[in-house]
Amino acid sequence: MGTVLVTSDGQPFAWQAKDISCECATTTEVMSKTEGMISEINKMKITLLAIKKTSNSIS
């Protein structure tokens, strides 16, 4: 799980990329982690425009 922040001129920056597969088994747990990251982004006064979730899990 991680965040890619994109500047107004299109430059991407990876932020807090880490493997959470051993920590999160349910959607609720993933949402909790996501909400924590959103809170940190808000504290830094960064405008969040979109969230894209991808899954690499095996079904």
Protein backbone atom coordinates (compact mmCIF):
# COMPACT_ATOMS: atom_id res chain seq x y z
CA MET A 1 0.00 0.00 0.00
CA GLY A 2 1.30 3.43 -0.78
CA THR A 3 0.50 6.80 -2.14
CA VAL A 4 1.68 8.48 -5.30
CA LEU A 5 1.44 12.23 -5.01
CA VAL A 6 1.39 14.10 -8.33
CA THR A 7 2.37 17.76 -8.50
CA SER A 8 0.46 20.29 -10.58
CA ASP A 9 3.11 19.96 -13.29
CA GLY A 10 2.70 16.15 -13.42
CA GLN A 11 5.73 15.03 -11.38
CA PRO A 12 4.96 11.83 -9.40
CA PHE A 13 6.34 11.15 -5.92
CA ALA A 14 5.91 7.80 -4.12
CA TRP A 15 5.07 8.23 -0.43
CA GLN A 16 4.78 5.57 2.28
CA ALA A 17 4.89 2.55 -0.02
CA LYS A 18 4.88 -0.63 2.07
CA ASP A 19 3.58 -4.18 2.05
CA ILE A 20 0.53 -4.48 4.33
CA SER A 21 -0.53 -7.96 3.23
CA CYS A 22 0.49 -9.48 6.57
CA GLU A 23 -1.42 -6.76 8.47
CA CYS A 24 -4.70 -6.61 6.57
CA ALA A 25 -6.94 -9.49 5.65
CA THR A 26 -10.29 -7.75 5.27
CA THR A 27 -11.67 -4.74 3.43
CA THR A 28 -12.38 -3.09 6.79
CA GLU A 29 -8.71 -3.37 7.79
CA VAL A 30 -7.56 -1.94 4.44
CA MET A 31 -10.06 0.93 4.75
CA SER A 32 -8.70 1.72 8.21
CA LYS A 33 -5.15 1.94 6.83
CA THR A 34 -6.39 4.07 3.91
CA GLU A 35 -8.20 6.46 6.26
CA GLY A 36 -5.00 6.81 8.29
CA MET A 37 -3.03 7.76 5.18
CA ILE A 38 -5.73 10.28 4.17
CA SER A 39 -5.55 11.82 7.63
CA GLU A 40 -1.77 12.22 7.34
CA ILE A 41 -2.12 13.80 3.87
CA ASN A 42 -4.73 16.24 5.24
CA LYS A 43 -2.43 17.20 8.14
CA MET A 44 0.23 18.17 5.58
CA LYS A 45 -2.32 20.46 3.87
CA ILE A 46 -2.11 18.51 0.59
CA THR A 47 -5.26 18.58 -1.52
CA LEU A 48 -6.42 15.03 -2.24
CA LEU A 49 -8.22 14.78 -5.57
CA ALA A 50 -8.62 11.02 -6.08
CA ILE A 51 -8.00 7.60 -4.59
CA LYS A 52 -7.32 4.56 -6.76
CA LYS A 53 -7.27 1.15 -5.17
CA THR A 54 -5.62 -1.82 -6.80
CA SER A 55 -5.51 -5.38 -5.54
CA ASN A 56 -2.82 -7.95 -6.11
CA SER A 57 -4.54 -10.59 -4.01
CA ILE A 58 -5.12 -14.07 -5.31
CA SER A 59 -8.76 -15.18 -5.24
